[in-house]
N, C-alpha and C. Protein backbone atom coordinates (compact mmCIF):
# COMPACT_ATOMS: atom_id res chain seq x y z
N UNK A 1 94.76 125.51 116.50
CA UNK A 1 93.45 124.90 116.52
C UNK A 1 92.40 125.97 116.28
N UNK A 2 91.32 125.56 115.69
CA UNK A 2 90.23 126.49 115.44
C UNK A 2 89.43 126.72 116.73
N UNK A 3 88.64 127.78 116.75
CA UNK A 3 87.90 128.17 117.95
C UNK A 3 86.91 127.10 118.40
N UNK A 4 86.25 126.44 117.45
CA UNK A 4 85.26 125.42 117.82
C UNK A 4 85.92 124.25 118.55
N UNK A 5 87.10 123.85 118.10
CA UNK A 5 87.82 122.75 118.75
C UNK A 5 88.25 123.16 120.16
N UNK A 6 88.74 124.38 120.30
CA UNK A 6 89.15 124.86 121.62
C UNK A 6 87.95 124.90 122.57
N UNK A 7 86.80 125.38 122.09
CA UNK A 7 85.59 125.41 122.93
C UNK A 7 85.19 124.00 123.37
N UNK A 8 85.29 123.04 122.45
CA UNK A 8 84.93 121.66 122.78
C UNK A 8 85.87 121.10 123.83
N UNK A 9 87.17 121.37 123.71
CA UNK A 9 88.14 120.87 124.69
C UNK A 9 87.94 121.52 126.06
N UNK A 10 87.63 122.80 126.09
CA UNK A 10 87.37 123.50 127.36
C UNK A 10 86.12 122.91 128.01
N UNK A 11 85.08 122.65 127.21
CA UNK A 11 83.85 122.06 127.76
C UNK A 11 84.13 120.66 128.32
N UNK A 12 84.98 119.89 127.66
CA UNK A 12 85.32 118.55 128.14
C UNK A 12 86.07 118.64 129.47
N UNK A 13 86.99 119.60 129.57
CA UNK A 13 87.72 119.79 130.83
C UNK A 13 86.76 120.17 131.95
N UNK A 14 85.82 121.07 131.66
CA UNK A 14 84.85 121.49 132.67
C UNK A 14 83.97 120.32 133.10
N UNK A 15 83.63 119.45 132.17
CA UNK A 15 82.85 118.26 132.51
C UNK A 15 83.63 117.39 133.49
N UNK A 16 84.92 117.23 133.27
CA UNK A 16 85.76 116.44 134.17
C UNK A 16 85.89 117.11 135.53
N UNK A 17 86.01 118.42 135.53
CA UNK A 17 86.10 119.14 136.80
C UNK A 17 84.82 118.95 137.61
N UNK A 18 83.68 118.95 136.95
CA UNK A 18 82.41 118.74 137.64
C UNK A 18 82.34 117.33 138.22
N UNK A 19 82.81 116.35 137.45
CA UNK A 19 82.83 114.96 137.94
C UNK A 19 83.74 114.87 139.16
N UNK A 20 84.92 115.46 139.07
CA UNK A 20 85.90 115.41 140.16
C UNK A 20 85.35 116.02 141.44
N UNK A 21 84.65 117.15 141.31
CA UNK A 21 84.16 117.86 142.50
C UNK A 21 82.75 117.45 142.89
N UNK A 22 82.10 116.59 142.10
CA UNK A 22 80.74 116.17 142.41
C UNK A 22 79.72 117.28 142.19
N UNK A 23 79.99 118.15 141.25
CA UNK A 23 79.09 119.28 140.96
C UNK A 23 78.17 118.88 139.81
N UNK A 24 76.87 118.98 139.98
CA UNK A 24 75.96 118.59 138.90
C UNK A 24 76.04 119.54 137.71
N UNK A 25 75.70 119.01 136.53
CA UNK A 25 75.64 119.85 135.33
C UNK A 25 74.64 120.97 135.55
N UNK A 26 74.99 122.14 135.03
CA UNK A 26 74.07 123.27 135.11
C UNK A 26 74.25 124.12 136.36
N UNK A 27 74.90 123.60 137.39
CA UNK A 27 75.13 124.39 138.61
C UNK A 27 76.15 125.47 138.28
N UNK A 28 75.79 126.71 138.60
CA UNK A 28 76.64 127.85 138.26
C UNK A 28 77.69 128.05 139.35
N UNK A 29 78.89 127.49 139.12
CA UNK A 29 79.98 127.60 140.08
C UNK A 29 81.28 127.91 139.33
N UNK A 30 82.25 128.45 140.06
CA UNK A 30 83.57 128.71 139.49
C UNK A 30 84.38 127.42 139.58
N UNK A 31 84.72 126.85 138.43
CA UNK A 31 85.47 125.59 138.40
C UNK A 31 86.99 125.82 138.45
N UNK A 32 87.41 127.06 138.54
CA UNK A 32 88.82 127.40 138.53
C UNK A 32 89.63 126.78 139.65
N UNK A 33 89.00 126.47 140.77
CA UNK A 33 89.71 125.89 141.90
C UNK A 33 89.72 124.36 141.90
N UNK A 34 88.96 123.75 140.98
CA UNK A 34 88.88 122.29 140.93
C UNK A 34 90.09 121.77 140.15
N UNK A 35 90.91 120.98 140.81
CA UNK A 35 92.11 120.40 140.19
C UNK A 35 91.84 118.96 139.81
N UNK A 36 92.27 118.61 138.61
CA UNK A 36 92.14 117.22 138.15
C UNK A 36 93.38 116.44 138.58
N UNK A 37 93.25 115.13 138.75
CA UNK A 37 94.40 114.32 139.18
C UNK A 37 95.54 114.38 138.15
N UNK A 38 96.78 114.24 138.61
CA UNK A 38 97.91 114.20 137.68
C UNK A 38 97.72 113.05 136.68
N UNK A 39 98.07 113.27 135.44
CA UNK A 39 97.96 112.23 134.43
C UNK A 39 96.56 112.08 133.85
N UNK A 40 95.68 113.03 134.15
CA UNK A 40 94.31 112.97 133.62
C UNK A 40 94.33 113.03 132.10
N UNK A 41 93.56 112.16 131.48
CA UNK A 41 93.44 112.15 130.01
C UNK A 41 92.28 113.04 129.58
N UNK A 42 92.41 113.63 128.42
CA UNK A 42 91.34 114.48 127.90
C UNK A 42 90.08 113.65 127.61
N UNK A 43 90.28 112.45 127.08
CA UNK A 43 89.15 111.58 126.75
C UNK A 43 89.39 110.21 127.38
N UNK A 44 89.18 110.09 128.69
CA UNK A 44 89.41 108.81 129.36
C UNK A 44 88.32 107.79 129.01
N UNK A 45 88.54 106.58 129.45
CA UNK A 45 87.58 105.51 129.22
C UNK A 45 86.26 105.82 129.94
N UNK A 46 85.18 105.52 129.28
CA UNK A 46 83.86 105.71 129.90
C UNK A 46 83.58 104.48 130.76
N UNK A 47 83.34 104.68 132.07
CA UNK A 47 83.15 103.52 132.95
C UNK A 47 81.83 102.79 132.67
N UNK A 48 81.84 101.50 132.96
CA UNK A 48 80.62 100.71 132.85
C UNK A 48 79.73 101.09 134.03
N UNK A 49 78.47 100.77 133.93
CA UNK A 49 77.51 101.10 135.00
C UNK A 49 78.00 100.51 136.33
N UNK A 50 78.04 101.36 137.35
CA UNK A 50 78.47 100.94 138.68
C UNK A 50 79.96 101.10 138.93
N UNK A 51 80.76 101.36 137.90
CA UNK A 51 82.21 101.54 138.07
C UNK A 51 82.52 103.00 138.37
N UNK A 52 83.63 103.22 139.05
CA UNK A 52 84.12 104.56 139.33
C UNK A 52 84.71 105.18 138.06
N UNK A 53 84.59 106.49 137.94
CA UNK A 53 85.20 107.20 136.82
C UNK A 53 86.70 107.31 137.09
N UNK A 54 87.53 106.84 136.18
CA UNK A 54 88.98 106.89 136.33
C UNK A 54 89.55 107.80 135.23
N UNK A 55 90.07 108.94 135.65
CA UNK A 55 90.57 109.94 134.71
C UNK A 55 91.80 109.50 133.92
N UNK A 56 92.52 108.50 134.41
CA UNK A 56 93.77 108.07 133.76
C UNK A 56 93.62 106.79 132.93
N UNK A 57 92.41 106.26 132.85
CA UNK A 57 92.19 105.01 132.11
C UNK A 57 91.95 105.33 130.63
N UNK A 58 92.84 104.89 129.74
CA UNK A 58 92.64 105.19 128.32
C UNK A 58 91.47 104.41 127.74
N UNK A 59 90.87 105.00 126.72
CA UNK A 59 89.78 104.31 126.03
C UNK A 59 90.32 103.16 125.21
N UNK A 60 89.53 102.14 125.07
CA UNK A 60 89.88 101.03 124.20
C UNK A 60 89.68 101.50 122.77
N UNK A 61 90.75 101.52 121.94
CA UNK A 61 90.62 102.05 120.58
C UNK A 61 89.58 101.30 119.75
N UNK A 62 89.45 100.01 119.97
CA UNK A 62 88.46 99.25 119.20
C UNK A 62 87.05 99.68 119.54
N UNK A 63 86.80 99.89 120.83
CA UNK A 63 85.47 100.35 121.24
C UNK A 63 85.17 101.72 120.65
N UNK A 64 86.18 102.60 120.67
CA UNK A 64 85.99 103.94 120.11
C UNK A 64 85.69 103.85 118.62
N UNK A 65 86.46 103.06 117.90
CA UNK A 65 86.26 102.93 116.45
C UNK A 65 84.88 102.36 116.13
N UNK A 66 84.46 101.37 116.89
CA UNK A 66 83.13 100.78 116.67
C UNK A 66 82.02 101.79 116.93
N UNK A 67 82.17 102.54 118.02
CA UNK A 67 81.16 103.55 118.36
C UNK A 67 81.13 104.65 117.31
N UNK A 68 82.30 105.09 116.85
CA UNK A 68 82.34 106.12 115.81
C UNK A 68 81.66 105.63 114.54
N UNK A 69 81.97 104.41 114.11
CA UNK A 69 81.38 103.86 112.88
C UNK A 69 79.86 103.74 113.03
N UNK A 70 79.41 103.31 114.21
CA UNK A 70 77.97 103.17 114.44
C UNK A 70 77.27 104.52 114.34
N UNK A 71 77.84 105.54 114.97
CA UNK A 71 77.23 106.87 114.92
C UNK A 71 77.31 107.48 113.52
N UNK A 72 78.42 107.28 112.83
CA UNK A 72 78.55 107.78 111.46
C UNK A 72 77.51 107.14 110.56
N UNK A 73 77.29 105.84 110.74
CA UNK A 73 76.27 105.14 109.96
C UNK A 73 74.88 105.69 110.22
N UNK A 74 74.58 105.97 111.50
CA UNK A 74 73.28 106.53 111.85
C UNK A 74 73.06 107.90 111.21
N UNK A 75 74.15 108.65 111.03
CA UNK A 75 74.05 109.98 110.43
C UNK A 75 74.06 109.94 108.90
N UNK A 76 74.20 108.72 108.34
CA UNK A 76 74.15 108.59 106.89
C UNK A 76 75.49 108.58 106.19
N UNK A 77 76.58 108.39 106.93
CA UNK A 77 77.91 108.38 106.34
C UNK A 77 78.40 106.98 105.98
N UNK A 78 77.54 106.01 106.07
CA UNK A 78 77.92 104.65 105.70
C UNK A 78 78.98 104.08 106.61
N UNK A 79 79.89 103.33 106.02
CA UNK A 79 80.94 102.65 106.80
C UNK A 79 82.17 103.53 106.95
N UNK A 80 82.01 104.70 107.52
CA UNK A 80 83.12 105.63 107.71
C UNK A 80 83.83 105.30 109.01
N UNK A 81 85.15 105.11 108.90
CA UNK A 81 85.97 104.89 110.10
C UNK A 81 86.51 106.24 110.57
N UNK A 82 86.90 106.31 111.83
CA UNK A 82 87.45 107.56 112.36
C UNK A 82 88.68 107.97 111.56
N UNK A 83 89.54 107.02 111.22
CA UNK A 83 90.75 107.33 110.48
C UNK A 83 90.44 107.92 109.10
N UNK A 84 89.28 107.58 108.54
CA UNK A 84 88.89 108.11 107.23
C UNK A 84 88.76 109.63 107.26
N UNK A 85 88.48 110.20 108.43
CA UNK A 85 88.33 111.65 108.52
C UNK A 85 89.62 112.38 108.13
N UNK A 86 90.74 111.76 108.38
CA UNK A 86 92.03 112.36 108.01
C UNK A 86 92.11 112.56 106.50
N UNK A 87 91.77 111.52 105.76
CA UNK A 87 91.80 111.61 104.30
C UNK A 87 90.75 112.56 103.76
N UNK A 88 89.57 112.53 104.37
CA UNK A 88 88.50 113.44 103.94
C UNK A 88 88.94 114.88 104.16
N UNK A 89 89.56 115.14 105.31
CA UNK A 89 90.04 116.50 105.64
C UNK A 89 91.12 116.94 104.65
N UNK A 90 92.10 116.08 104.40
CA UNK A 90 93.18 116.42 103.48
C UNK A 90 92.64 116.68 102.07
N UNK A 91 91.74 115.84 101.61
CA UNK A 91 91.18 116.00 100.27
C UNK A 91 90.37 117.29 100.17
N UNK A 92 89.59 117.59 101.20
CA UNK A 92 88.79 118.83 101.18
C UNK A 92 89.69 120.06 101.15
N UNK A 93 90.79 120.02 101.89
CA UNK A 93 91.73 121.15 101.87
C UNK A 93 92.36 121.31 100.49
N UNK A 94 92.77 120.21 99.89
CA UNK A 94 93.35 120.28 98.55
C UNK A 94 92.33 120.79 97.54
N UNK A 95 91.09 120.33 97.64
CA UNK A 95 90.01 120.80 96.77
C UNK A 95 89.79 122.30 96.91
N UNK A 96 89.99 122.81 98.13
CA UNK A 96 89.80 124.24 98.39
C UNK A 96 90.97 125.08 97.92
N UNK A 97 92.00 124.42 97.37
CA UNK A 97 93.15 125.16 96.84
C UNK A 97 94.23 125.45 97.86
N UNK A 98 94.17 124.80 99.02
CA UNK A 98 95.22 124.98 100.03
C UNK A 98 96.48 124.30 99.52
N UNK A 99 97.64 124.98 99.59
CA UNK A 99 98.88 124.39 99.08
C UNK A 99 99.22 123.05 99.76
N UNK A 100 99.81 122.17 98.99
CA UNK A 100 100.14 120.82 99.47
C UNK A 100 100.99 120.86 100.73
N UNK A 101 101.98 121.73 100.77
CA UNK A 101 102.85 121.76 101.96
C UNK A 101 102.08 122.18 103.21
N UNK A 102 101.07 123.03 103.05
CA UNK A 102 100.25 123.45 104.18
C UNK A 102 99.36 122.30 104.65
N UNK A 103 98.77 121.57 103.71
CA UNK A 103 97.95 120.41 104.05
C UNK A 103 98.81 119.37 104.76
N UNK A 104 100.00 119.13 104.23
CA UNK A 104 100.90 118.14 104.83
C UNK A 104 101.24 118.51 106.27
N UNK A 105 101.51 119.79 106.50
CA UNK A 105 101.82 120.23 107.86
C UNK A 105 100.61 120.05 108.77
N UNK A 106 99.44 120.36 108.26
CA UNK A 106 98.20 120.26 109.06
C UNK A 106 97.93 118.84 109.52
N UNK A 107 98.16 117.86 108.63
CA UNK A 107 97.85 116.46 108.99
C UNK A 107 99.07 115.70 109.47
N UNK A 108 100.23 116.38 109.54
CA UNK A 108 101.43 115.75 110.08
C UNK A 108 102.05 114.75 109.13
N UNK A 109 102.09 115.09 107.85
CA UNK A 109 102.63 114.17 106.85
C UNK A 109 103.62 114.90 105.96
N UNK A 110 104.33 114.15 105.17
CA UNK A 110 105.26 114.69 104.19
C UNK A 110 104.47 115.11 102.95
N UNK A 111 104.82 116.23 102.32
CA UNK A 111 104.09 116.66 101.11
C UNK A 111 104.03 115.60 100.02
N UNK A 112 105.11 114.82 99.85
CA UNK A 112 105.11 113.76 98.83
C UNK A 112 104.06 112.69 99.16
N UNK A 113 103.91 112.39 100.43
CA UNK A 113 102.92 111.40 100.85
C UNK A 113 101.52 111.95 100.61
N UNK A 114 101.32 113.22 100.91
CA UNK A 114 100.01 113.84 100.67
C UNK A 114 99.66 113.78 99.19
N UNK A 115 100.62 114.12 98.34
CA UNK A 115 100.37 114.05 96.90
C UNK A 115 100.05 112.63 96.46
N UNK A 116 100.81 111.68 96.95
CA UNK A 116 100.61 110.29 96.54
C UNK A 116 99.27 109.73 97.02
N UNK A 117 98.87 110.07 98.25
CA UNK A 117 97.68 109.47 98.84
C UNK A 117 96.38 110.24 98.64
N UNK A 118 96.46 111.56 98.55
CA UNK A 118 95.23 112.34 98.58
C UNK A 118 94.96 113.16 97.32
N UNK A 119 95.99 113.57 96.60
CA UNK A 119 95.77 114.42 95.43
C UNK A 119 94.93 113.71 94.37
N UNK A 120 95.05 112.40 94.28
CA UNK A 120 94.28 111.64 93.28
C UNK A 120 92.79 111.64 93.59
N UNK A 121 92.43 111.97 94.82
CA UNK A 121 91.02 111.98 95.22
C UNK A 121 90.35 113.33 94.98
N UNK A 122 91.14 114.35 94.68
CA UNK A 122 90.56 115.69 94.54
C UNK A 122 89.74 115.79 93.28
N UNK A 123 88.92 116.78 93.24
CA UNK A 123 88.10 117.04 92.05
C UNK A 123 88.98 117.78 91.06
N UNK A 124 89.44 117.07 90.05
CA UNK A 124 90.41 117.65 89.13
C UNK A 124 89.86 118.83 88.35
N UNK A 125 88.54 118.96 88.26
CA UNK A 125 87.95 120.08 87.54
C UNK A 125 88.41 121.40 88.14
N UNK A 126 88.43 121.48 89.50
CA UNK A 126 88.89 122.71 90.16
C UNK A 126 90.33 123.01 89.80
N UNK A 127 91.17 121.99 89.84
CA UNK A 127 92.58 122.18 89.52
C UNK A 127 92.75 122.55 88.06
N UNK A 128 91.99 121.89 87.16
CA UNK A 128 92.08 122.19 85.74
C UNK A 128 91.66 123.62 85.44
N UNK A 129 90.60 124.08 86.08
CA UNK A 129 90.13 125.45 85.87
C UNK A 129 91.16 126.45 86.36
N UNK A 130 91.72 126.21 87.54
CA UNK A 130 92.75 127.10 88.08
C UNK A 130 93.97 127.13 87.18
N UNK A 131 94.38 125.95 86.71
CA UNK A 131 95.53 125.87 85.82
C UNK A 131 95.26 126.59 84.52
N UNK A 132 94.10 126.40 83.93
CA UNK A 132 93.74 127.06 82.68
C UNK A 132 93.73 128.58 82.85
N UNK A 133 93.17 129.06 83.96
CA UNK A 133 93.15 130.50 84.22
C UNK A 133 94.55 131.06 84.37
N UNK A 134 95.44 130.31 85.05
CA UNK A 134 96.81 130.77 85.25
C UNK A 134 97.57 130.83 83.92
N UNK A 135 97.40 129.80 83.10
CA UNK A 135 98.08 129.78 81.80
C UNK A 135 97.55 130.88 80.91
N UNK A 136 96.24 131.10 80.94
CA UNK A 136 95.64 132.16 80.12
C UNK A 136 96.19 133.53 80.54
N UNK A 137 96.30 133.77 81.85
CA UNK A 137 96.82 135.05 82.34
C UNK A 137 98.29 135.22 81.97
N UNK A 138 99.06 134.13 82.05
CA UNK A 138 100.47 134.18 81.69
C UNK A 138 100.63 134.47 80.21
N UNK A 139 99.86 133.77 79.38
CA UNK A 139 99.93 133.98 77.93
C UNK A 139 99.51 135.40 77.58
N UNK A 140 98.47 135.89 78.22
CA UNK A 140 98.03 137.27 77.96
C UNK A 140 99.13 138.27 78.30
N UNK A 141 99.85 137.99 79.37
CA UNK A 141 100.95 138.88 79.75
C UNK A 141 102.08 138.87 78.74
N UNK A 142 102.42 137.68 78.23
CA UNK A 142 103.50 137.57 77.25
C UNK A 142 103.09 138.15 75.91
N UNK A 143 101.86 137.90 75.53
CA UNK A 143 101.40 138.33 74.21
C UNK A 143 100.87 139.77 74.23
N UNK A 144 100.77 140.32 75.40
CA UNK A 144 100.31 141.70 75.52
C UNK A 144 98.84 141.88 75.21
N UNK A 145 98.10 140.81 75.23
CA UNK A 145 96.67 140.93 74.96
C UNK A 145 95.87 140.73 76.23
N UNK A 146 95.14 141.73 76.56
CA UNK A 146 94.24 141.62 77.70
C UNK A 146 93.30 142.77 77.73
């Protein structure tokens, strides 16, 4: 995982530790001794007003998807679903020249599936330029001209 993701996960854990111990945000305390209940989820369900916070209650996926789409729309991303981020990520990696097998490993898919589903979305100009440069270098090597 990248550093930004790790920082976000650590901050989420600290938020839960504060809730568990009743420590307000901003209070400078060592949270190292605060233990979360067994089975605590990283992203539990957000309680309704007046309900107790339950660390083991999973979020309703439909509510999460609706909230994500609403926020994405507010930010100008139109009708983007959370699952769409997977394809956007894979396509961006392929556009950046990351090898297919590496992209497949990153998103937990088979390289053939990545090629079938995401390679068609890439900007072929980048691939065409890279291919042309590679062929030109190969030909120069064979023909001895450079």
